[in-house]
Amino acid sequence: MHCLLDESPLEAGTLYRLLSGTICPRPIAWVATQDRNGNDNLAPFSFFNVVSVDPPVVGFSPLQNGQGRSKDTVRNLEENPECVVHISSEALVDALNTTSASLSPGEDEFMLAGLEKAAMPGVSVPRIASAPVAFGCRLRDIIHFGDQPMAGNLVLANVISLHLDDAIWDGRHVNLDVLKPVGRLAGSDYIRTTDRFALQRPR
């Protein structure tokens, strides 16, 4: 298949299946936000990565919904520019999937998934108490790519605080056998990190 998109545009649904099916595996940002009234929101996003180390910045991209409107996460960040980004583990993947449900604004996905909240240093937004890794963040920027359905919103967030379970971090390395992170493929498929190999980088 060869396709010049300016000459032969593909429908958004086709592009989504193509991009999400080939750009994988993708880490998952499990993002907690809060609206101006103090209502908590929790949602997973698989368009996610670290984009800077010094300063520490993470980026994730909530897509516009099917009506071309911003999701609660983006609206909340515009009202309260703080969030907590969690790294999901196998033990919490069912709860993560539960929080991907479409709820009305103001409804609490923590409660829906039966997740306990805990305070996160430096931000007003709570973290998931049982999540092994959490980054407290302040909004750096939101880049909007349009109002049409499935347009992206690139959220860049400065990491200002960390929560790490003691069993995961030895001061130098993350123990992936303890963390057991999960990633996204296409459709309903997820992936584990249990099949790993190493290559020496060239000097």
Protein backbone atom coordinates (compact mmCIF):
# COMPACT_ATOMS: atom_id res chain seq x y z
CA MET A 1 0.00 0.00 0.00
CA HIS A 2 1.24 3.48 -0.91
CA CYS A 3 -0.84 6.52 -0.04
CA LEU A 4 -0.22 10.25 -0.32
CA LEU A 5 -2.75 11.58 2.16
CA ASP A 6 -3.11 14.95 0.45
CA GLU A 7 -4.26 13.18 -2.72
CA SER A 8 -6.02 10.14 -1.24
CA PRO A 9 -7.17 11.02 2.28
CA LEU A 10 -8.15 8.19 4.61
CA GLU A 11 -11.10 8.34 6.98
CA ALA A 12 -10.27 9.09 10.61
CA GLY A 13 -11.34 5.62 11.72
CA THR A 14 -9.04 3.99 9.18
CA LEU A 15 -6.15 6.23 10.21
CA TYR A 16 -6.75 5.39 13.86
CA ARG A 17 -6.64 1.65 13.21
CA LEU A 18 -3.53 2.03 11.05
CA LEU A 19 -1.64 4.27 13.49
CA SER A 20 -2.60 2.45 16.69
CA GLY A 21 -1.92 -0.91 15.07
CA THR A 22 1.57 -0.05 13.83
CA ILE A 23 2.87 2.37 16.48
CA CYS A 24 3.04 -0.14 19.28
CA PRO A 25 3.50 -1.29 21.94
CA ARG A 26 2.54 1.98 23.62
CA PRO A 27 2.90 2.82 27.32
CA ILE A 28 -0.25 3.94 29.11
CA ALA A 29 -0.63 7.19 31.06
CA TRP A 30 -3.31 6.73 33.72
CA VAL A 31 -4.12 10.36 34.41
CA ALA A 32 -5.92 11.83 37.40
CA THR A 33 -7.26 15.39 37.12
CA GLN A 34 -9.67 17.60 39.05
CA ASP A 35 -12.17 20.19 37.90
CA ARG A 36 -12.66 23.63 39.44
CA ASN A 37 -15.27 22.21 41.83
CA GLY A 38 -12.95 19.54 43.20
CA ASN A 39 -14.46 16.61 41.30
CA ASP A 40 -11.83 13.97 40.50
CA ASN A 41 -11.41 12.28 37.13
CA LEU A 42 -9.27 9.31 36.13
CA ALA A 43 -8.66 8.11 32.56
CA PRO A 44 -6.06 6.08 30.60
CA PHE A 45 -4.29 7.36 27.47
CA SER A 46 -2.03 5.22 25.31
CA PHE A 47 -0.58 8.06 23.24
CA PHE A 48 2.03 8.77 25.92
CA ASN A 49 5.76 9.11 26.58
CA VAL A 50 8.53 11.02 28.35
CA VAL A 51 9.62 14.01 26.25
CA SER A 52 12.32 15.67 28.39
CA VAL A 53 14.55 14.69 31.31
CA ASP A 54 15.96 18.07 32.41
CA PRO A 55 13.44 19.52 33.01
CA PRO A 56 11.38 16.33 33.48
CA VAL A 57 8.37 16.53 31.15
CA VAL A 58 5.86 13.89 30.09
CA GLY A 59 3.44 14.14 27.17
CA PHE A 60 0.13 12.44 26.46
CA SER A 61 -2.57 13.01 23.89
CA PRO A 62 -6.31 12.76 24.64
CA LEU A 63 -8.25 12.67 21.37
CA GLN A 64 -11.41 14.69 20.82
CA ASN A 65 -14.50 12.53 21.29
CA GLY A 66 -16.87 11.43 18.55
CA GLN A 67 -18.67 14.79 18.68
CA GLY A 68 -15.42 16.76 18.39
CA ARG A 69 -15.48 17.87 22.03
CA SER A 70 -12.59 17.76 24.49
CA LYS A 71 -12.59 15.00 27.08
CA ASP A 72 -12.89 15.70 30.81
CA THR A 73 -9.12 15.41 31.26
CA VAL A 74 -8.40 18.32 28.92
CA ARG A 75 -11.22 20.48 30.28
CA ASN A 76 -10.09 19.80 33.86
CA LEU A 77 -6.50 20.73 33.07
CA GLU A 78 -7.70 24.02 31.63
CA GLU A 79 -9.54 24.70 34.93
CA ASN A 80 -6.94 23.22 37.32
CA PRO A 81 -3.50 22.88 35.67
CA GLU A 82 -2.32 19.89 37.74
CA CYS A 83 -2.49 16.14 37.25
CA VAL A 84 -1.07 12.85 38.46
CA VAL A 85 0.22 10.44 35.82
CA HIS A 86 0.36 6.80 36.93
CA ILE A 87 2.13 3.86 35.34
CA SER A 88 -0.28 0.95 35.33
CA SER A 89 0.70 -2.55 36.39
CA GLU A 90 -0.82 -5.95 35.65
CA ALA A 91 -2.41 -5.99 39.11
CA LEU A 92 -4.46 -2.89 38.28
CA VAL A 93 -5.25 -3.45 34.61
CA ASP A 94 -8.91 -4.35 35.23
CA ALA A 95 -9.40 -1.11 37.17
CA LEU A 96 -7.60 0.80 34.41
CA ASN A 97 -9.95 -0.66 31.83
CA THR A 98 -12.94 0.26 34.01
CA THR A 99 -11.84 3.91 34.08
CA SER A 100 -11.89 4.07 30.28
CA ALA A 101 -15.71 4.12 30.45
CA SER A 102 -17.47 7.27 29.24
CA LEU A 103 -18.99 8.94 32.29
CA SER A 104 -20.73 12.27 32.64
CA PRO A 105 -18.58 15.24 33.71
CA GLY A 106 -18.19 15.31 37.48
CA GLU A 107 -18.58 11.55 37.94
CA ASP A 108 -15.66 9.95 39.77
CA GLU A 109 -13.82 7.07 38.05
CA PHE A 110 -11.89 6.37 41.27
CA MET A 111 -15.19 5.38 42.86
CA LEU A 112 -16.38 3.50 39.76
CA ALA A 113 -13.25 1.31 39.82
CA GLY A 114 -13.12 0.97 43.61
CA LEU A 115 -9.73 2.73 43.85
CA GLU A 116 -8.58 4.38 47.08
CA LYS A 117 -7.15 7.90 46.83
CA ALA A 118 -3.98 9.19 48.48
CA ALA A 119 -2.40 12.65 48.66
CA MET A 120 0.28 13.45 46.06
CA PRO A 121 3.04 15.87 47.12
CA GLY A 122 3.06 19.24 45.35
CA VAL A 123 -0.37 18.97 43.70
CA SER A 124 -3.99 19.13 44.81
CA VAL A 125 -5.00 16.13 42.65
CA PRO A 126 -4.97 12.76 44.45
CA ARG A 127 -3.07 9.70 43.28
CA ILE A 128 -4.22 6.09 43.17
CA ALA A 129 -3.09 4.71 46.53
CA SER A 130 -2.27 1.25 45.15
CA ALA A 131 -0.47 2.39 41.98
CA PRO A 132 3.26 1.56 42.17
CA VAL A 133 4.42 4.65 40.25
CA ALA A 134 2.91 8.13 40.11
CA PHE A 135 4.19 11.47 38.83
CA GLY A 136 2.75 14.68 40.25
CA CYS A 137 2.64 17.18 37.38
CA ARG A 138 1.88 20.80 36.58
CA LEU A 139 0.59 21.69 33.16
CA ARG A 140 3.20 23.14 30.82
CA ASP A 141 1.12 23.45 27.64
CA ILE A 142 -1.78 22.00 25.68
CA ILE A 143 -1.49 21.99 21.91
CA HIS A 144 -4.86 21.56 20.19
CA PHE A 145 -4.87 19.99 16.73
CA GLY A 146 -8.48 20.80 15.86
CA ASP A 147 -12.09 20.37 16.93
CA GLN A 148 -13.00 17.54 14.58
CA PRO A 149 -13.63 14.05 16.02
CA MET A 150 -10.38 12.20 16.84
CA ALA A 151 -8.19 15.30 16.61
CA GLY A 152 -5.47 15.21 19.24
CA ASN A 153 -4.65 17.46 22.17
CA LEU A 154 -0.98 17.19 23.12
CA VAL A 155 -0.63 17.73 26.86
CA LEU A 156 2.87 18.55 28.11
CA ALA A 157 3.27 18.36 31.88
CA ASN A 158 6.21 19.18 34.14
CA VAL A 159 6.94 16.42 36.67
CA ILE A 160 7.30 18.04 40.09
CA SER A 161 6.95 15.05 42.44
CA LEU A 162 7.34 11.28 42.43
CA HIS A 163 5.80 8.31 44.20
CA LEU A 164 7.64 4.98 43.82
CA ASP A 165 6.99 1.78 45.73
CA ASP A 166 10.16 0.80 47.58
CA ALA A 167 10.24 -2.63 45.94
CA ILE A 168 10.46 -1.09 42.46
CA TRP A 169 13.44 1.27 42.77
CA ASP A 170 16.89 0.42 44.19
CA GLY A 171 18.31 3.91 43.68
CA ARG A 172 19.61 3.13 40.20
CA HIS A 173 17.30 0.68 38.42
CA VAL A 174 13.58 0.01 38.12
CA ASN A 175 12.68 -3.62 38.77
CA LEU A 176 10.33 -4.47 35.90
CA ASP A 177 9.60 -7.90 37.37
CA VAL A 178 8.00 -6.11 40.32
CA LEU A 179 6.46 -3.19 38.42
CA LYS A 180 4.96 -5.43 35.70
CA PRO A 181 3.85 -2.55 33.47
CA VAL A 182 1.33 -3.12 30.70
CA GLY A 183 1.17 -1.51 27.27
CA ARG A 184 -1.42 -1.08 24.53
CA LEU A 185 -1.62 -2.65 21.12
CA ALA A 186 -4.61 -2.20 18.80
CA GLY A 187 -8.27 -2.93 19.48
CA SER A 188 -8.76 -4.68 22.82
CA ASP A 189 -5.20 -6.01 23.02
CA TYR A 190 -2.65 -5.23 25.74
CA ILE A 191 0.93 -6.44 26.16
CA ARG A 192 3.19 -7.44 29.06
CA THR A 193 6.96 -6.95 29.37
CA THR A 194 7.79 -10.53 30.31
CA ASP A 195 9.58 -11.36 27.04
CA ARG A 196 12.62 -9.09 26.99
CA PHE A 197 16.03 -9.10 25.32
CA ALA A 198 19.04 -6.78 25.41
CA LEU A 199 21.36 -5.34 22.78
CA GLN A 200 24.59 -3.45 23.39
CA ARG A 201 24.49 0.03 21.88
CA PRO A 202 27.32 0.78 19.46
CA ARG A 203 30.07 3.03 20.76
